[in-house]
Amino acid sequence: MDSLLPADYEIPQSGNGGMFAKLEQGENRFRILDVPTMGYIYWVDKTPVRVKSASDAPSGEKPKHFWHMPVWMDDEVKLMDIDKATVIKDLKRLDDSDEWGNLLHYDVIVTREGQNLDTTYAVQPCPKADLPSEGAEAWTAFKDEYNGDDVFDGGQTSTEKENILPWKADDAKKPNKDA
């Protein structure tokens, strides 16, 4: 039989690659790279809307508190939103702890188990260690273009906005079509 795809092709597991990280089933190990941007999230037609204050959400909406932050995960810098109250409370507890302290100094593992209403999360700190050199280099390259508040403007980084437009966003002069 003639096939379009190679015989040895395997479908990748979900969650591989991409700029955005989410908490998948099982263990999710990551290092927080910067102070989280905090706000509230609600949904309109399956699209997330993020606002700085719960009072900025329309009447009748029940926005959830979230943290948005860059993380080192799967050997790359990614952006992660966490809106699970149990995870946020456990991360804050670690950060406030005399034993563990600043979340920038160690990885954490968030384990997700179950599904739908039976989903549970457990947070575990890893021994304190320096960020690997490739992580530090990637974060240095990424952070010049990163602005956590961009999440309130649709979640695009400055670099992404510039790539969408045929001219830089801060350039008032549009290209001349006749040139």
Protein backbone atom coordinates (compact mmCIF):
# COMPACT_ATOMS: atom_id res chain seq x y z
CA MET A 1 0.00 0.00 0.00
CA ASP A 2 1.30 3.46 -0.92
CA SER A 3 1.39 5.70 2.15
CA LEU A 4 1.89 9.44 2.49
CA LEU A 5 3.70 9.19 5.85
CA PRO A 6 6.95 7.32 6.50
CA ALA A 7 6.45 3.82 7.94
CA ASP A 8 8.44 4.73 11.07
CA TYR A 9 6.50 7.96 11.78
CA GLU A 10 5.29 8.25 15.39
CA ILE A 11 2.84 10.87 16.63
CA PRO A 12 4.55 13.09 19.24
CA GLN A 13 3.18 13.15 22.78
CA SER A 14 1.12 16.24 23.62
CA GLY A 15 2.93 19.12 25.26
CA ASN A 16 6.15 18.76 23.28
CA GLY A 17 7.68 22.00 22.12
CA GLY A 18 6.04 25.36 21.92
CA MET A 19 6.51 28.56 23.81
CA PHE A 20 3.82 27.88 26.41
CA ALA A 21 4.03 25.33 29.21
CA LYS A 22 1.13 23.77 31.03
CA LEU A 23 0.84 21.27 33.82
CA GLU A 24 0.50 17.88 32.11
CA GLN A 25 -0.42 14.58 33.76
CA GLY A 26 2.42 13.25 35.92
CA GLU A 27 5.52 15.14 36.99
CA ASN A 28 6.20 18.64 35.65
CA ARG A 29 9.65 19.91 36.64
CA PHE A 30 10.46 23.57 36.07
CA ARG A 31 12.45 26.53 37.40
CA ILE A 32 10.74 29.89 37.81
CA LEU A 33 12.94 32.53 36.12
CA ASP A 34 11.34 35.83 37.16
CA VAL A 35 8.78 37.33 39.52
CA PRO A 36 5.33 36.13 38.43
CA THR A 37 2.93 38.60 36.86
CA MET A 38 -0.27 38.21 38.85
CA GLY A 39 -3.80 38.84 37.74
CA TYR A 40 -7.17 37.26 37.12
CA ILE A 41 -8.45 35.13 34.27
CA TYR A 42 -11.92 34.40 32.95
CA TRP A 43 -13.12 32.87 29.69
CA VAL A 44 -15.24 34.18 26.82
CA ASP A 45 -16.12 31.69 24.07
CA LYS A 46 -13.25 29.38 25.14
CA THR A 47 -10.77 32.27 24.92
CA PRO A 48 -8.90 33.38 28.05
CA VAL A 49 -9.20 37.02 29.08
CA ARG A 50 -6.64 38.23 31.62
CA VAL A 51 -7.13 41.33 33.76
CA LYS A 52 -5.01 42.90 36.49
CA SER A 53 -7.80 43.09 39.07
CA ALA A 54 -10.86 40.92 39.68
CA SER A 55 -12.92 44.11 39.57
CA ASP A 56 -11.85 44.58 35.92
CA ALA A 57 -13.88 41.50 34.92
CA PRO A 58 -17.46 42.02 33.73
CA SER A 59 -20.28 41.64 36.22
CA GLY A 60 -21.31 38.01 36.52
CA GLU A 61 -17.87 36.60 35.69
CA LYS A 62 -15.94 34.70 38.35
CA PRO A 63 -12.30 35.33 37.50
CA LYS A 64 -9.61 33.06 38.94
CA HIS A 65 -6.34 34.38 40.34
CA PHE A 66 -3.33 33.36 38.21
CA TRP A 67 0.44 33.65 38.03
CA HIS A 68 2.08 34.14 34.63
CA MET A 69 5.84 33.61 34.50
CA PRO A 70 8.78 32.48 32.44
CA VAL A 71 10.09 29.05 33.40
CA TRP A 72 12.97 26.79 32.39
CA MET A 73 11.25 23.53 31.42
CA ASP A 74 12.19 20.73 29.04
CA ASP A 75 15.50 22.47 28.26
CA GLU A 76 13.92 25.70 27.03
CA VAL A 77 12.42 28.95 28.28
CA LYS A 78 8.63 28.78 28.22
CA LEU A 79 5.76 30.88 29.54
CA MET A 80 3.51 29.28 32.13
CA ASP A 81 0.19 30.30 33.63
CA ILE A 82 -0.82 28.73 36.92
CA ASP A 83 -4.39 29.27 38.10
CA LYS A 84 -4.71 26.33 40.50
CA ALA A 85 -5.10 27.76 44.01
CA THR A 86 -3.47 24.73 45.66
CA VAL A 87 -0.35 25.05 43.50
CA ILE A 88 -0.10 28.82 44.05
CA LYS A 89 -0.50 28.38 47.83
CA ASP A 90 2.20 25.68 47.94
CA LEU A 91 4.61 27.77 45.84
CA LYS A 92 4.03 30.79 48.09
CA ARG A 93 4.56 28.61 51.17
CA LEU A 94 7.93 27.45 49.77
CA ASP A 95 8.96 31.01 48.88
CA ASP A 96 8.04 32.22 52.40
CA SER A 97 9.86 29.32 54.05
CA ASP A 98 13.14 29.91 55.92
CA GLU A 99 14.25 26.45 54.74
CA TRP A 100 13.56 26.90 51.01
CA GLY A 101 13.08 30.62 50.33
CA ASN A 102 13.30 32.35 46.94
CA LEU A 103 11.78 30.17 44.20
CA LEU A 104 14.41 31.37 41.71
CA HIS A 105 17.05 29.21 43.42
CA TYR A 106 15.65 25.71 42.86
CA ASP A 107 13.41 23.66 40.60
CA VAL A 108 9.98 22.53 41.68
CA ILE A 109 8.04 19.49 40.60
CA VAL A 110 4.28 19.83 40.30
CA THR A 111 2.62 16.45 39.96
CA ARG A 112 -0.80 16.37 38.36
CA GLU A 113 -2.98 13.30 38.88
CA GLY A 114 -6.59 12.48 38.03
CA GLN A 115 -8.93 14.15 35.60
CA ASN A 116 -11.68 16.76 35.56
CA LEU A 117 -13.09 17.36 39.06
CA ASP A 118 -10.88 14.58 40.49
CA THR A 119 -7.61 16.30 39.50
CA THR A 120 -5.09 16.82 42.30
CA TYR A 121 -1.77 18.65 42.38
CA ALA A 122 1.25 18.12 44.62
CA VAL A 123 4.21 20.53 44.79
CA GLN A 124 7.68 19.31 45.70
CA PRO A 125 10.87 21.41 45.89
CA CYS A 126 14.10 20.04 44.41
CA PRO A 127 17.49 20.54 46.07
CA LYS A 128 18.84 24.05 45.57
CA ALA A 129 21.12 24.28 42.54
CA ASP A 130 22.29 26.81 40.00
CA LEU A 131 20.29 27.12 36.82
CA PRO A 132 22.15 25.11 34.13
CA SER A 133 24.37 27.30 31.93
CA GLU A 134 22.19 26.66 28.85
CA GLY A 135 19.17 27.78 30.88
CA ALA A 136 20.93 30.94 32.05
CA GLU A 137 22.00 31.75 28.47
CA ALA A 138 18.51 31.12 27.08
CA TRP A 139 16.93 33.27 29.80
CA THR A 140 19.41 36.10 29.16
CA ALA A 141 18.49 36.07 25.46
CA PHE A 142 14.76 35.84 26.19
CA LYS A 143 14.36 38.38 28.99
CA ASP A 144 15.28 41.45 26.92
CA GLU A 145 12.08 40.96 24.92
CA TYR A 146 9.96 39.70 27.83
CA ASN A 147 7.41 41.88 29.58
CA GLY A 148 5.09 40.01 31.92
CA ASP A 149 2.39 42.65 31.53
CA ASP A 150 2.09 41.69 27.84
CA VAL A 151 -0.17 38.89 29.06
CA PHE A 152 -2.87 41.52 29.63
CA ASP A 153 -2.62 42.59 25.96
CA GLY A 154 -3.41 39.17 24.51
CA GLY A 155 -0.29 37.42 25.75
CA GLN A 156 2.09 38.23 22.91
CA THR A 157 5.65 39.19 23.65
CA SER A 158 7.11 42.31 22.07
CA THR A 159 8.98 40.12 19.59
CA GLU A 160 5.80 38.35 18.49
CA LYS A 161 4.00 41.66 17.95
CA GLU A 162 6.84 42.94 15.76
CA ASN A 163 6.80 39.73 13.71
CA ILE A 164 3.09 40.11 12.98
CA LEU A 165 3.36 43.66 11.69
CA PRO A 166 5.22 44.53 8.47
CA TRP A 167 6.91 47.33 10.44
CA LYS A 168 8.02 47.65 14.06
CA ALA A 169 5.22 48.43 16.51
CA ASP A 170 7.06 51.50 17.82
CA ASP A 171 7.77 52.85 14.33
CA ALA A 172 5.17 55.51 13.49
CA LYS A 173 6.05 55.47 9.79
CA LYS A 174 4.24 52.79 7.81
CA PRO A 175 5.93 51.30 4.76
CA ASN A 176 5.30 53.01 1.44
CA LYS A 177 3.30 50.67 -0.80
CA ASP A 178 4.48 52.50 -3.92
CA ALA A 179 8.19 52.04 -3.19
